[in-house]
PDB file of N, CA and C in Angstrom:
ATOM      1  N   UNK A   1    -103.065 149.659 138.198  1.00  0.00           N
ATOM      2  CA  UNK A   1    -102.423 148.602 138.318  1.00  0.00           C
ATOM      3  C   UNK A   1    -101.377 148.269 136.883  1.00  0.00           C
ATOM      4  N   UNK A   2    -100.372 147.526 137.230  1.00  0.00           N
ATOM      5  CA  UNK A   2     -99.385 147.079 136.155  1.00  0.00           C
ATOM      6  C   UNK A   2     -99.742 145.893 135.381  1.00  0.00           C
ATOM      7  N   UNK A   3     -99.219 145.722 134.262  1.00  0.00           N
ATOM      8  CA  UNK A   3     -99.685 144.605 133.356  1.00  0.00           C
ATOM      9  C   UNK A   3     -99.373 143.153 134.229  1.00  0.00           C
ATOM     10  N   UNK A   4     -98.462 143.251 135.000  1.00  0.00           N
ATOM     11  CA  UNK A   4     -98.077 141.985 135.680  1.00  0.00           C
ATOM     12  C   UNK A   4     -99.157 141.717 136.695  1.00  0.00           C
ATOM     13  N   UNK A   5     -99.577 142.779 137.485  1.00  0.00           N
ATOM     14  CA  UNK A   5    -100.547 142.636 138.599  1.00  0.00           C
ATOM     15  C   UNK A   5    -101.789 142.313 138.045  1.00  0.00           C
ATOM     16  N   UNK A   6    -102.234 142.866 136.785  1.00  0.00           N
ATOM     17  CA  UNK A   6    -103.367 142.339 136.047  1.00  0.00           C
ATOM     18  C   UNK A   6    -103.486 140.808 135.779  1.00  0.00           C
ATOM     19  N   UNK A   7    -102.310 140.429 135.071  1.00  0.00           N
ATOM     20  CA  UNK A   7    -102.227 139.129 134.835  1.00  0.00           C
ATOM     21  C   UNK A   7    -102.183 138.223 135.953  1.00  0.00           C
ATOM     22  N   UNK A   8    -101.612 138.660 137.136  1.00  0.00           N
ATOM     23  CA  UNK A   8    -101.698 137.800 138.381  1.00  0.00           C
ATOM     24  C   UNK A   8    -103.151 137.826 139.031  1.00  0.00           C
ATOM     25  N   UNK A   9    -103.818 138.905 138.895  1.00  0.00           N
ATOM     26  CA  UNK A   9    -105.114 138.893 139.342  1.00  0.00           C
ATOM     27  C   UNK A   9    -106.085 138.084 138.543  1.00  0.00           C
ATOM     28  N   UNK A  10    -105.932 138.053 137.096  1.00  0.00           N
ATOM     29  CA  UNK A  10    -106.497 137.111 136.236  1.00  0.00           C
ATOM     30  C   UNK A  10    -106.211 135.568 136.681  1.00  0.00           C
ATOM     31  N   UNK A  11    -105.030 135.283 136.890  1.00  0.00           N
ATOM     32  CA  UNK A  11    -104.767 133.997 137.387  1.00  0.00           C
ATOM     33  C   UNK A  11    -105.294 133.644 138.726  1.00  0.00           C
ATOM     34  N   UNK A  12    -105.452 134.634 139.620  1.00  0.00           N
ATOM     35  CA  UNK A  12    -105.871 134.162 140.804  1.00  0.00           C
ATOM     36  C   UNK A  12    -107.540 133.939 140.673  1.00  0.00           C
ATOM     37  N   UNK A  13    -108.133 134.648 139.797  1.00  0.00           N
ATOM     38  CA  UNK A  13    -109.510 134.600 139.738  1.00  0.00           C
ATOM     39  C   UNK A  13    -109.903 133.202 138.904  1.00  0.00           C
ATOM     40  N   UNK A  14    -108.976 132.905 138.084  1.00  0.00           N
ATOM     41  CA  UNK A  14    -109.258 131.473 137.327  1.00  0.00           C
ATOM     42  C   UNK A  14    -109.099 130.455 138.598  1.00  0.00           C
ATOM     43  N   UNK A  15    -108.132 130.396 139.277  1.00  0.00           N
ATOM     44  CA  UNK A  15    -107.899 129.590 140.439  1.00  0.00           C
ATOM     45  C   UNK A  15    -108.927 129.639 141.203  1.00  0.00           C
ATOM     46  N   UNK A  16    -109.509 130.725 141.600  1.00  0.00           N
ATOM     47  CA  UNK A  16    -110.883 130.698 142.561  1.00  0.00           C
ATOM     48  C   UNK A  16    -112.195 130.131 141.869  1.00  0.00           C
ATOM     49  N   UNK A  17    -112.144 130.269 140.705  1.00  0.00           N
ATOM     50  CA  UNK A  17    -113.247 129.577 139.926  1.00  0.00           C
ATOM     51  C   UNK A  17    -113.237 128.136 140.084  1.00  0.00           C
ATOM     52  N   UNK A  18    -111.984 127.759 139.909  1.00  0.00           N
ATOM     53  CA  UNK A  18    -111.630 126.154 139.830  1.00  0.00           C
ATOM     54  C   UNK A  18    -111.934 125.667 141.164  1.00  0.00           C
ATOM     55  N   UNK A  19    -111.389 126.252 142.295  1.00  0.00           N
ATOM     56  CA  UNK A  19    -111.615 125.680 143.558  1.00  0.00           C
ATOM     57  C   UNK A  19    -113.238 125.840 143.976  1.00  0.00           C
ATOM     58  N   UNK A  20    -114.154 126.784 143.484  1.00  0.00           N
ATOM     59  CA  UNK A  20    -115.419 127.033 143.501  1.00  0.00           C
ATOM     60  C   UNK A  20    -116.045 125.866 142.980  1.00  0.00           C
ATOM     61  N   UNK A  21    -115.618 125.452 141.827  1.00  0.00           N
ATOM     62  CA  UNK A  21    -116.261 124.324 141.031  1.00  0.00           C
ATOM     63  C   UNK A  21    -115.762 122.790 141.654  1.00  0.00           C
ATOM     64  N   UNK A  22    -114.879 122.949 142.380  1.00  0.00           N
ATOM     65  CA  UNK A  22    -114.069 121.643 143.094  1.00  0.00           C
ATOM     66  C   UNK A  22    -113.647 120.704 141.908  1.00  0.00           C
ATOM     67  N   UNK A  23    -112.756 121.283 141.055  1.00  0.00           N
ATOM     68  CA  UNK A  23    -112.119 120.621 140.185  1.00  0.00           C
ATOM     69  C   UNK A  23    -110.570 120.563 140.406  1.00  0.00           C
ATOM     70  N   UNK A  24    -109.982 119.465 140.147  1.00  0.00           N
ATOM     71  CA  UNK A  24    -108.416 119.346 140.449  1.00  0.00           C
ATOM     72  C   UNK A  24    -107.726 119.976 139.241  1.00  0.00           C
ATOM     73  N   UNK A  25    -106.613 120.633 139.627  1.00  0.00           N
ATOM     74  CA  UNK A  25    -105.828 121.203 138.610  1.00  0.00           C
ATOM     75  C   UNK A  25    -105.395 120.433 137.513  1.00  0.00           C
ATOM     76  N   UNK A  26    -105.132 118.920 137.702  1.00  0.00           N
ATOM     77  CA  UNK A  26    -104.745 118.046 136.770  1.00  0.00           C
ATOM     78  C   UNK A  26    -105.932 117.725 135.822  1.00  0.00           C
ATOM     79  N   UNK A  27    -107.189 117.796 136.309  1.00  0.00           N
ATOM     80  CA  UNK A  27    -108.374 117.613 135.249  1.00  0.00           C
ATOM     81  C   UNK A  27    -108.501 118.854 134.420  1.00  0.00           C
ATOM     82  N   UNK A  28    -108.435 119.936 135.014  1.00  0.00           N
ATOM     83  CA  UNK A  28    -108.610 121.112 134.155  1.00  0.00           C
ATOM     84  C   UNK A  28    -107.473 121.377 133.248  1.00  0.00           C
ATOM     85  N   UNK A  29    -106.274 121.056 133.513  1.00  0.00           N
ATOM     86  CA  UNK A  29    -105.031 121.225 132.601  1.00  0.00           C
ATOM     87  C   UNK A  29    -105.384 120.059 131.529  1.00  0.00           C
ATOM     88  N   UNK A  30    -105.568 118.858 131.914  1.00  0.00           N
ATOM     89  CA  UNK A  30    -105.906 117.823 130.891  1.00  0.00           C
ATOM     90  C   UNK A  30    -107.016 118.126 129.863  1.00  0.00           C
ATOM     91  N   UNK A  31    -107.927 118.536 130.418  1.00  0.00           N
ATOM     92  CA  UNK A  31    -109.192 119.074 129.645  1.00  0.00           C
ATOM     93  C   UNK A  31    -108.894 120.295 128.546  1.00  0.00           C
ATOM     94  N   UNK A  32    -108.118 121.232 129.140  1.00  0.00           N
ATOM     95  CA  UNK A  32    -107.523 122.295 128.257  1.00  0.00           C
ATOM     96  C   UNK A  32    -106.513 121.937 127.329  1.00  0.00           C
ATOM     97  N   UNK A  33    -105.944 120.761 127.513  1.00  0.00           N
ATOM     98  CA  UNK A  33    -104.823 120.475 126.666  1.00  0.00           C
ATOM     99  C   UNK A  33    -103.514 121.033 126.842  1.00  0.00           C
ATOM    100  N   UNK A  34    -103.153 121.341 128.214  1.00  0.00           N
ATOM    101  CA  UNK A  34    -101.974 121.794 128.621  1.00  0.00           C
ATOM    102  C   UNK A  34    -101.567 121.117 129.793  1.00  0.00           C
ATOM    103  N   UNK A  35    -100.235 121.363 130.050  1.00  0.00           N
ATOM    104  CA  UNK A  35     -99.642 120.448 131.369  1.00  0.00           C
ATOM    105  C   UNK A  35    -100.042 121.125 132.397  1.00  0.00           C
ATOM    106  N   UNK A  36     -99.864 120.432 133.743  1.00  0.00           N
ATOM    107  CA  UNK A  36    -100.306 120.923 134.978  1.00  0.00           C
ATOM    108  C   UNK A  36     -99.389 122.131 135.353  1.00  0.00           C
ATOM    109  N   UNK A  37     -98.174 121.986 134.984  1.00  0.00           N
ATOM    110  CA  UNK A  37     -97.250 122.930 135.247  1.00  0.00           C
ATOM    111  C   UNK A  37     -97.549 124.306 134.336  1.00  0.00           C
ATOM    112  N   UNK A  38     -97.991 124.253 133.271  1.00  0.00           N
ATOM    113  CA  UNK A  38     -98.410 125.405 132.376  1.00  0.00           C
ATOM    114  C   UNK A  38     -99.730 125.950 133.241  1.00  0.00           C
ATOM    115  N   UNK A  39    -100.666 125.133 133.700  1.00  0.00           N
ATOM    116  CA  UNK A  39    -101.698 125.745 134.346  1.00  0.00           C
ATOM    117  C   UNK A  39    -101.397 126.425 135.723  1.00  0.00           C
ATOM    118  N   UNK A  40    -100.346 125.810 136.282  1.00  0.00           N
ATOM    119  CA  UNK A  40     -99.793 126.629 137.651  1.00  0.00           C
ATOM    120  C   UNK A  40     -99.319 128.148 137.105  1.00  0.00           C
ATOM    121  N   UNK A  41     -98.452 128.107 136.043  1.00  0.00           N
ATOM    122  CA  UNK A  41     -97.999 129.254 135.639  1.00  0.00           C
ATOM    123  C   UNK A  41     -98.982 130.131 135.047  1.00  0.00           C
ATOM    124  N   UNK A  42    -100.178 129.754 134.513  1.00  0.00           N
ATOM    125  CA  UNK A  42    -101.213 130.468 134.046  1.00  0.00           C
ATOM    126  C   UNK A  42    -101.827 131.226 135.398  1.00  0.00           C
ATOM    127  N   UNK A  43    -102.051 130.441 136.350  1.00  0.00           N
ATOM    128  CA  UNK A  43    -102.570 131.019 137.548  1.00  0.00           C
ATOM    129  C   UNK A  43    -101.898 131.904 138.296  1.00  0.00           C
ATOM    130  N   UNK A  44    -100.384 131.784 138.021  1.00  0.00           N
ATOM    131  CA  UNK A  44     -99.441 132.832 138.598  1.00  0.00           C
ATOM    132  C   UNK A  44     -99.305 133.975 137.665  1.00  0.00           C
ATOM    133  N   UNK A  45    -100.038 134.103 136.537  1.00  0.00           N
ATOM    134  CA  UNK A  45    -100.102 135.408 135.786  1.00  0.00           C
ATOM    135  C   UNK A  45     -99.170 135.204 134.766  1.00  0.00           C
ATOM    136  N   UNK A  46     -98.467 134.102 134.375  1.00  0.00           N
ATOM    137  CA  UNK A  46     -97.416 133.865 133.373  1.00  0.00           C
ATOM    138  C   UNK A  46     -97.956 133.053 132.210  1.00  0.00           C
ATOM    139  N   UNK A  47     -99.323 133.210 131.833  1.00  0.00           N
ATOM    140  CA  UNK A  47     -99.902 132.292 130.857  1.00  0.00           C
ATOM    141  C   UNK A  47    -100.040 132.975 129.669  1.00  0.00           C
ATOM    142  N   UNK A  48    -100.393 132.194 128.550  1.00  0.00           N
ATOM    143  CA  UNK A  48    -100.692 132.736 127.265  1.00  0.00           C
ATOM    144  C   UNK A  48    -102.161 133.065 127.153  1.00  0.00           C
ATOM    145  N   UNK A  49    -102.586 134.017 126.269  1.00  0.00           N
ATOM    146  CA  UNK A  49    -104.089 134.168 126.125  1.00  0.00           C
ATOM    147  C   UNK A  49    -104.881 132.944 125.541  1.00  0.00           C
ATOM    148  N   UNK A  50    -103.887 132.246 124.672  1.00  0.00           N
ATOM    149  CA  UNK A  50    -104.696 130.892 124.183  1.00  0.00           C
ATOM    150  C   UNK A  50    -105.036 129.964 125.333  1.00  0.00           C
ATOM    151  N   UNK A  51    -104.084 129.808 126.312  1.00  0.00           N
ATOM    152  CA  UNK A  51    -104.320 128.961 127.483  1.00  0.00           C
ATOM    153  C   UNK A  51    -105.284 129.382 128.285  1.00  0.00           C
ATOM    154  N   UNK A  52    -105.368 130.850 128.464  1.00  0.00           N
ATOM    155  CA  UNK A  52    -106.440 131.431 129.261  1.00  0.00           C
ATOM    156  C   UNK A  52    -107.831 131.025 128.737  1.00  0.00           C
ATOM    157  N   UNK A  53    -107.894 131.123 127.557  1.00  0.00           N
ATOM    158  CA  UNK A  53    -109.233 130.888 126.655  1.00  0.00           C
ATOM    159  C   UNK A  53    -109.490 129.499 126.953  1.00  0.00           C
ATOM    160  N   UNK A  54    -108.538 128.458 126.683  1.00  0.00           N
ATOM    161  CA  UNK A  54    -108.798 126.934 126.851  1.00  0.00           C
ATOM    162  C   UNK A  54    -109.379 126.705 128.388  1.00  0.00           C
ATOM    163  N   UNK A  55    -108.786 127.357 129.440  1.00  0.00           N
ATOM    164  CA  UNK A  55    -109.046 126.934 130.677  1.00  0.00           C
ATOM    165  C   UNK A  55    -110.476 127.553 131.091  1.00  0.00           C
ATOM    166  N   UNK A  56    -110.545 128.823 130.711  1.00  0.00           N
ATOM    167  CA  UNK A  56    -111.991 129.305 130.972  1.00  0.00           C
ATOM    168  C   UNK A  56    -113.099 128.528 129.932  1.00  0.00           C
ATOM    169  N   UNK A  57    -112.740 127.851 128.958  1.00  0.00           N
ATOM    170  CA  UNK A  57    -113.777 126.976 128.274  1.00  0.00           C
ATOM    171  C   UNK A  57    -114.132 125.894 129.117  1.00  0.00           C
ATOM    172  N   UNK A  58    -113.102 125.251 129.715  1.00  0.00           N
ATOM    173  CA  UNK A  58    -113.230 124.030 130.516  1.00  0.00           C
ATOM    174  C   UNK A  58    -114.029 124.396 131.819  1.00  0.00           C
ATOM    175  N   UNK A  59    -113.729 125.599 132.393  1.00  0.00           N
ATOM    176  CA  UNK A  59    -114.405 125.917 133.671  1.00  0.00           C
ATOM    177  C   UNK A  59    -115.965 126.334 133.310  1.00  0.00           C
ATOM    178  N   UNK A  60    -116.186 126.495 132.087  1.00  0.00           N
ATOM    179  CA  UNK A  60    -117.390 127.053 131.716  1.00  0.00           C
ATOM    180  C   UNK A  60    -117.616 128.497 131.730  1.00  0.00           C
ATOM    181  N   UNK A  61    -116.533 129.119 131.869  1.00  0.00           N
ATOM    182  CA  UNK A  61    -116.627 130.653 131.996  1.00  0.00           C
ATOM    183  C   UNK A  61    -116.119 131.557 130.895  1.00  0.00           C
ATOM    184  N   UNK A  62    -116.075 131.009 129.863  1.00  0.00           N
ATOM    185  CA  UNK A  62    -115.898 131.596 128.619  1.00  0.00           C
ATOM    186  C   UNK A  62    -116.532 132.902 128.136  1.00  0.00           C
ATOM    187  N   UNK A  63    -117.795 133.099 128.702  1.00  0.00           N
ATOM    188  CA  UNK A  63    -118.622 134.289 128.616  1.00  0.00           C
ATOM    189  C   UNK A  63    -117.959 135.472 129.312  1.00  0.00           C
ATOM    190  N   UNK A  64    -116.885 135.341 130.205  1.00  0.00           N
ATOM    191  CA  UNK A  64    -116.337 136.394 130.911  1.00  0.00           C
ATOM    192  C   UNK A  64    -115.590 137.317 129.855  1.00  0.00           C
ATOM    193  N   UNK A  65    -115.147 136.539 128.707  1.00  0.00           N
ATOM    194  CA  UNK A  65    -114.644 137.427 127.622  1.00  0.00           C
ATOM    195  C   UNK A  65    -115.424 137.978 126.595  1.00  0.00           C
ATOM    196  N   UNK A  66    -116.706 137.804 126.763  1.00  0.00           N
ATOM    197  CA  UNK A  66    -117.607 138.270 125.821  1.00  0.00           C
ATOM    198  C   UNK A  66    -117.333 139.588 125.319  1.00  0.00           C
ATOM    199  N   UNK A  67    -117.089 140.495 126.270  1.00  0.00           N
ATOM    200  CA  UNK A  67    -116.976 141.938 126.110  1.00  0.00           C
ATOM    201  C   UNK A  67    -115.582 142.380 125.216  1.00  0.00           C
ATOM    202  N   UNK A  68    -114.802 141.296 125.174  1.00  0.00           N
ATOM    203  CA  UNK A  68    -113.557 141.373 124.227  1.00  0.00           C
ATOM    204  C   UNK A  68    -113.851 140.963 122.981  1.00  0.00           C
ATOM    205  N   UNK A  69    -114.803 140.077 122.687  1.00  0.00           N
ATOM    206  CA  UNK A  69    -115.125 139.408 121.489  1.00  0.00           C
ATOM    207  C   UNK A  69    -116.247 140.176 120.642  1.00  0.00           C
ATOM    208  N   UNK A  70    -117.110 141.178 121.157  1.00  0.00           N
ATOM    209  CA  UNK A  70    -117.990 141.712 120.571  1.00  0.00           C
ATOM    210  C   UNK A  70    -117.354 142.815 119.643  1.00  0.00           C
ATOM    211  N   UNK A  71    -117.948 143.105 118.725  1.00  0.00           N
ATOM    212  CA  UNK A  71    -117.613 144.368 117.703  1.00  0.00           C
ATOM    213  C   UNK A  71    -117.639 145.692 118.391  1.00  0.00           C
ATOM    214  N   UNK A  72    -116.694 146.133 118.167  1.00  0.00           N
ATOM    215  CA  UNK A  72    -116.707 147.703 118.617  1.00  0.00           C
ATOM    216  C   UNK A  72    -117.614 148.612 117.883  1.00  0.00           C
ATOM    217  N   UNK A  73    -118.648 148.941 118.603  1.00  0.00           N
ATOM    218  CA  UNK A  73    -119.551 149.886 117.966  1.00  0.00           C
ATOM    219  C   UNK A  73    -119.364 151.415 117.937  1.00  0.00           C
ATOM    220  N   UNK A  74    -119.602 152.013 116.825  1.00  0.00           N
ATOM    221  CA  UNK A  74    -119.295 153.523 116.707  1.00  0.00           C
ATOM    222  C   UNK A  74    -120.277 154.254 117.623  1.00  0.00           C
ATOM    223  N   UNK A  75    -119.978 155.043 118.319  1.00  0.00           N
ATOM    224  CA  UNK A  75    -120.933 156.028 119.056  1.00  0.00           C
ATOM    225  C   UNK A  75    -121.712 156.778 118.299  1.00  0.00           C
ATOM    226  N   UNK A  76    -123.011 157.246 118.490  1.00  0.00           N
ATOM    227  CA  UNK A  76    -123.922 157.971 117.568  1.00  0.00           C
ATOM    228  C   UNK A  76    -123.412 159.372 117.342  1.00  0.00           C
ATOM    229  N   UNK A  77    -122.564 159.827 118.217  1.00  0.00           N
ATOM    230  CA  UNK A  77    -121.887 161.131 117.973  1.00  0.00           C
ATOM    231  C   UNK A  77    -120.768 160.984 116.810  1.00  0.00           C
ATOM    232  N   UNK A  78    -120.074 159.929 116.870  1.00  0.00           N
ATOM    233  CA  UNK A  78    -119.074 159.913 115.872  1.00  0.00           C
ATOM    234  C   UNK A  78    -119.806 159.321 114.493  1.00  0.00           C
ATOM    235  N   UNK A  79    -120.878 158.727 114.553  1.00  0.00           N
ATOM    236  CA  UNK A  79    -121.562 158.502 113.277  1.00  0.00           C
ATOM    237  C   UNK A  79    -122.181 159.798 112.709  1.00  0.00           C
ATOM    238  N   UNK A  80    -122.597 160.783 113.683  1.00  0.00           N
ATOM    239  CA  UNK A  80    -123.180 161.992 113.092  1.00  0.00           C
ATOM    240  C   UNK A  80    -121.940 162.870 112.560  1.00  0.00           C
ATOM    241  N   UNK A  81    -120.664 162.694 113.089  1.00  0.00           N
ATOM    242  CA  UNK A  81    -119.666 163.477 112.553  1.00  0.00           C
ATOM    243  C   UNK A  81    -119.271 162.979 111.252  1.00  0.00           C
ATOM    244  N   UNK A  82    -119.458 161.608 110.933  1.00  0.00           N
ATOM    245  CA  UNK A  82    -118.724 160.932 109.777  1.00  0.00           C
ATOM    246  C   UNK A  82    -119.761 161.249 108.668  1.00  0.00           C
ATOM    247  N   UNK A  83    -121.119 161.487 108.978  1.00  0.00           N
ATOM    248  CA  UNK A  83    -122.169 161.592 107.937  1.00  0.00           C
ATOM    249  C   UNK A  83    -121.827 162.896 106.961  1.00  0.00           C
ATOM    250  N   UNK A  84    -121.198 163.811 107.344  1.00  0.00           N
ATOM    251  CA  UNK A  84    -121.081 164.912 106.609  1.00  0.00           C
ATOM    252  C   UNK A  84    -119.866 164.787 105.603  1.00  0.00           C
ATOM    253  N   UNK A  85    -118.929 163.916 105.934  1.00  0.00           N
ATOM    254  CA  UNK A  85    -117.812 163.587 105.137  1.00  0.00           C
ATOM    255  C   UNK A  85    -117.910 162.392 104.268  1.00  0.00           C
ATOM    256  N   UNK A  86    -118.919 161.567 104.386  1.00  0.00           N
ATOM    257  CA  UNK A  86    -119.034 160.436 103.708  1.00  0.00           C
ATOM    258  C   UNK A  86    -119.634 160.757 102.170  1.00  0.00           C
ATOM    259  N   UNK A  87    -118.853 160.292 101.371  1.00  0.00           N
ATOM    260  CA  UNK A  87    -119.019 160.409  99.780  1.00  0.00           C
ATOM    261  C   UNK A  87    -120.303 159.643  99.271  1.00  0.00           C
ATOM    262  N   UNK A  88    -121.023 160.286  98.471  1.00  0.00           N
ATOM    263  CA  UNK A  88    -122.394 159.467  98.046  1.00  0.00           C
ATOM    264  C   UNK A  88    -121.887 159.022  96.647  1.00  0.00           C
ATOM    265  N   UNK A  89    -121.317 159.773  95.819  1.00  0.00           N
ATOM    266  CA  UNK A  89    -120.997 159.509  94.386  1.00  0.00           C
ATOM    267  C   UNK A  89    -119.812 160.051  94.058  1.00  0.00           C
ATOM    268  N   UNK A  90    -119.194 159.729  93.202  1.00  0.00           N
ATOM    269  CA  UNK A  90    -118.198 160.362  92.521  1.00  0.00           C
ATOM    270  C   UNK A  90    -118.279 161.441  91.693  1.00  0.00           C
ATOM    271  N   UNK A  91    -117.505 162.698  91.692  1.00  0.00           N
ATOM    272  CA  UNK A  91    -117.758 163.756  90.889  1.00  0.00           C
ATOM    273  C   UNK A  91    -117.372 163.582  89.403  1.00  0.00           C
ATOM    274  N   UNK A  92    -117.941 164.092  88.542  1.00  0.00           N
ATOM    275  CA  UNK A  92    -117.573 164.234  87.073  1.00  0.00           C
ATOM    276  C   UNK A  92    -117.451 165.562  86.630  1.00  0.00           C
ATOM    277  N   UNK A  93    -116.234 165.807  85.897  1.00  0.00           N
ATOM    278  CA  UNK A  93    -115.873 167.210  85.462  1.00  0.00           C
ATOM    279  C   UNK A  93    -116.542 167.236  83.978  1.00  0.00           C
ATOM    280  N   UNK A  94    -117.194 168.133  83.585  1.00  0.00           N
ATOM    281  CA  UNK A  94    -117.909 168.148  82.175  1.00  0.00           C
ATOM    282  C   UNK A  94    -117.470 168.968  81.403  1.00  0.00           C
ATOM    283  N   UNK A  95    -116.959 170.184  81.856  1.00  0.00           N
ATOM    284  CA  UNK A  95    -116.278 171.183  81.033  1.00  0.00           C
ATOM    285  C   UNK A  95    -114.806 170.793  80.720  1.00  0.00           C
ATOM    286  N   UNK A  96    -114.271 171.265  79.419  1.00  0.00           N
ATOM    287  CA  UNK A  96    -112.992 171.081  78.990  1.00  0.00           C
ATOM    288  C   UNK A  96    -112.124 172.122  79.708  1.00  0.00           C
ATOM    289  N   UNK A  97    -111.012 171.970  80.034  1.00  0.00           N
ATOM    290  CA  UNK A  97    -110.313 173.237  80.548  1.00  0.00           C
ATOM    291  C   UNK A  97    -109.997 174.038  79.348  1.00  0.00           C
ATOM    292  N   UNK A  98    -109.677 175.459  79.531  1.00  0.00           N
ATOM    293  CA  UNK A  98    -109.403 176.409  78.550  1.00  0.00           C
ATOM    294  C   UNK A  98    -107.958 176.282  78.093  1.00  0.00           C
ATOM    295  N   UNK A  99    -107.659 176.323  76.820  1.00  0.00           N
ATOM    296  CA  UNK A  99    -106.275 176.192  76.217  1.00  0.00           C
ATOM    297  C   UNK A  99    -105.766 177.649  76.510  1.00  0.00           C
ATOM    298  N   UNK A 100    -104.448 177.526  77.098  1.00  0.00           N
ATOM    299  CA  UNK A 100    -103.787 178.885  77.288  1.00  0.00           C
ATOM    300  C   UNK A 100    -103.380 179.499  75.908  1.00  0.00           C
ATOM    301  N   UNK A 101    -103.145 180.874  75.862  1.00  0.00           N
ATOM    302  CA  UNK A 101    -102.902 181.419  74.433  1.00  0.00           C
ATOM    303  C   UNK A 101    -101.480 181.198  74.240  1.00  0.00           C
ATOM    304  N   UNK A 102    -100.653 181.050  75.046  1.00  0.00           N
ATOM    305  CA  UNK A 102     -99.178 180.932  74.932  1.00  0.00           C
ATOM    306  C   UNK A 102     -98.676 179.598  74.196  1.00  0.00           C
ATOM    307  N   UNK A 103     -99.569 178.691  74.241  1.00  0.00           N
ATOM    308  CA  UNK A 103     -98.862 177.351  73.640  1.00  0.00           C
ATOM    309  C   UNK A 103     -99.994 176.399  73.201  1.00  0.00           C
ATOM    310  N   UNK A 104     -99.790 175.569  72.436  1.00  0.00           N
ATOM    311  CA  UNK A 104    -100.666 174.525  71.896  1.00  0.00           C
ATOM    312  C   UNK A 104    -100.473 173.237  73.040  1.00  0.00           C
ATOM    313  N   UNK A 105    -101.851 172.625  73.027  1.00  0.00           N
ATOM    314  CA  UNK A 105    -101.862 171.420  73.913  1.00  0.00           C
ATOM    315  C   UNK A 105    -101.870 170.169  73.112  1.00  0.00           C
ATOM    316  N   UNK A 106    -101.437 169.182  73.730  1.00  0.00           N
ATOM    317  CA  UNK A 106    -101.461 167.832  72.999  1.00  0.00           C
ATOM    318  C   UNK A 106    -102.848 167.030  73.135  1.00  0.00           C
ATOM    319  N   UNK A 107    -103.061 166.103  72.461  1.00  0.00           N
ATOM    320  CA  UNK A 107    -104.507 165.439  72.695  1.00  0.00           C
ATOM    321  C   UNK A 107    -104.819 165.364  74.190  1.00  0.00           C
ATOM    322  N   UNK A 108    -103.919 164.915  74.865  1.00  0.00           N
ATOM    323  CA  UNK A 108    -104.219 164.685  76.331  1.00  0.00           C
ATOM    324  C   UNK A 108    -104.259 165.925  77.169  1.00  0.00           C
ATOM    325  N   UNK A 109    -104.031 167.133  76.800  1.00  0.00           N
ATOM    326  CA  UNK A 109    -104.029 168.294  77.303  1.00  0.00           C
ATOM    327  C   UNK A 109    -102.844 168.682  78.057  1.00  0.00           C
ATOM    328  N   UNK A 110    -101.825 168.308  77.631  1.00  0.00           N
ATOM    329  CA  UNK A 110    -100.368 168.818  78.132  1.00  0.00           C
ATOM    330  C   UNK A 110     -99.663 169.820  77.134  1.00  0.00           C
ATOM    331  N   UNK A 111     -99.140 170.826  77.427  1.00  0.00           N
ATOM    332  CA  UNK A 111     -98.468 171.645  76.572  1.00  0.00           C
ATOM    333  C   UNK A 111     -97.139 171.096  76.045  1.00  0.00           C
ATOM    334  N   UNK A 112     -97.163 171.483  74.642  1.00  0.00           N
ATOM    335  CA  UNK A 112     -95.695 170.929  73.962  1.00  0.00           C
ATOM    336  C   UNK A 112     -94.707 171.559  74.679  1.00  0.00           C
ATOM    337  N   UNK A 113     -93.508 170.804  74.836  1.00  0.00           N
ATOM    338  CA  UNK A 113     -92.453 171.583  75.726  1.00  0.00           C
ATOM    339  C   UNK A 113     -91.198 171.916  74.669  1.00  0.00           C
ATOM    340  N   UNK A 114     -90.944 171.446  73.592  1.00  0.00           N
ATOM    341  CA  UNK A 114     -89.755 171.595  72.632  1.00  0.00           C
ATOM    342  C   UNK A 114     -90.239 172.131  71.156  1.00  0.00           C
ATOM    343  N   UNK A 115     -89.702 173.365  70.922  1.00  0.00           N
ATOM    344  CA  UNK A 115     -90.011 173.786  69.794  1.00  0.00           C
ATOM    345  C   UNK A 115     -91.380 174.607  69.483  1.00  0.00           C
ATOM    346  N   UNK A 116     -91.937 174.775  70.507  1.00  0.00           N
ATOM    347  CA  UNK A 116     -93.247 175.630  70.403  1.00  0.00           C
ATOM    348  C   UNK A 116     -94.260 174.918  69.539  1.00  0.00           C
ATOM    349  N   UNK A 117     -95.239 175.758  68.978  1.00  0.00           N
ATOM    350  CA  UNK A 117     -96.217 175.262  68.381  1.00  0.00           C
ATOM    351  C   UNK A 117     -95.667 174.527  66.995  1.00  0.00           C
ATOM    352  N   UNK A 118     -96.313 173.520  66.465  1.00  0.00           N
ATOM    353  CA  UNK A 118     -96.036 172.773  65.429  1.00  0.00           C
ATOM    354  C   UNK A 118     -96.456 173.425  64.018  1.00  0.00           C
ATOM    355  N   UNK A 119     -95.860 173.543  63.023  1.00  0.00           N
ATOM    356  CA  UNK A 119     -96.197 174.057  61.951  1.00  0.00           C
ATOM    357  C   UNK A 119     -97.315 173.095  61.407  1.00  0.00           C
ATOM    358  N   UNK A 120     -98.431 173.755  60.576  1.00  0.00           N
ATOM    359  CA  UNK A 120     -99.366 172.925  59.818  1.00  0.00           C
ATOM    360  C   UNK A 120     -98.835 172.287  58.646  1.00  0.00           C
ATOM    361  N   UNK A 121     -99.144 171.004  58.321  1.00  0.00           N
ATOM    362  CA  UNK A 121     -98.745 170.195  57.221  1.00  0.00           C
ATOM    363  C   UNK A 121     -99.013 170.941  55.975  1.00  0.00           C
ATOM    364  N   UNK A 122     -98.240 170.877  54.991  1.00  0.00           N
ATOM    365  CA  UNK A 122     -98.365 171.137  53.612  1.00  0.00           C
ATOM    366  C   UNK A 122     -98.941 170.212  52.782  1.00  0.00           C
ATOM    367  N   UNK A 123    -100.315 170.272  52.591  1.00  0.00           N
ATOM    368  CA  UNK A 123    -100.866 169.068  51.908  1.00  0.00           C
ATOM    369  C   UNK A 123    -101.364 169.440  50.402  1.00  0.00           C
ATOM    370  N   UNK A 124    -100.708 170.601  49.858  1.00  0.00           N
ATOM    371  CA  UNK A 124    -101.063 171.174  48.710  1.00  0.00           C
ATOM    372  C   UNK A 124    -100.077 170.663  47.544  1.00  0.00           C
ATOM    373  N   UNK A 125    -100.193 169.491  47.078  1.00  0.00           N
ATOM    374  CA  UNK A 125     -99.293 169.090  46.006  1.00  0.00           C
ATOM    375  C   UNK A 125    -100.025 168.786  44.846  1.00  0.00           C
TER     376      UNK A 125
END
């Protein structure tokens, strides 16, 4: 079915519920807080979701949307797949990385880039 056909079918079902309950269009529209013309458009498949919810609430059929309101549950198979990838705690590296022989590293572990190794200070005065 196309989107328009589905919307039209929903509108027809709302109208059928209203007729089954023997309630006038103007009463349903007034109770839902919409105009009668808006109600007619809704039953023709041209309404908004907010208006559909309001009309279903007036007709006492809001539970028809319950499956859309419920939380989407993850399947047990999907949960099992996710368990292997779920982190339990962060890893901590305990060993310091080795200093390469070709250069001196700064206190944060980066090699010096200009001038090579720095000479030792002369503190013999």
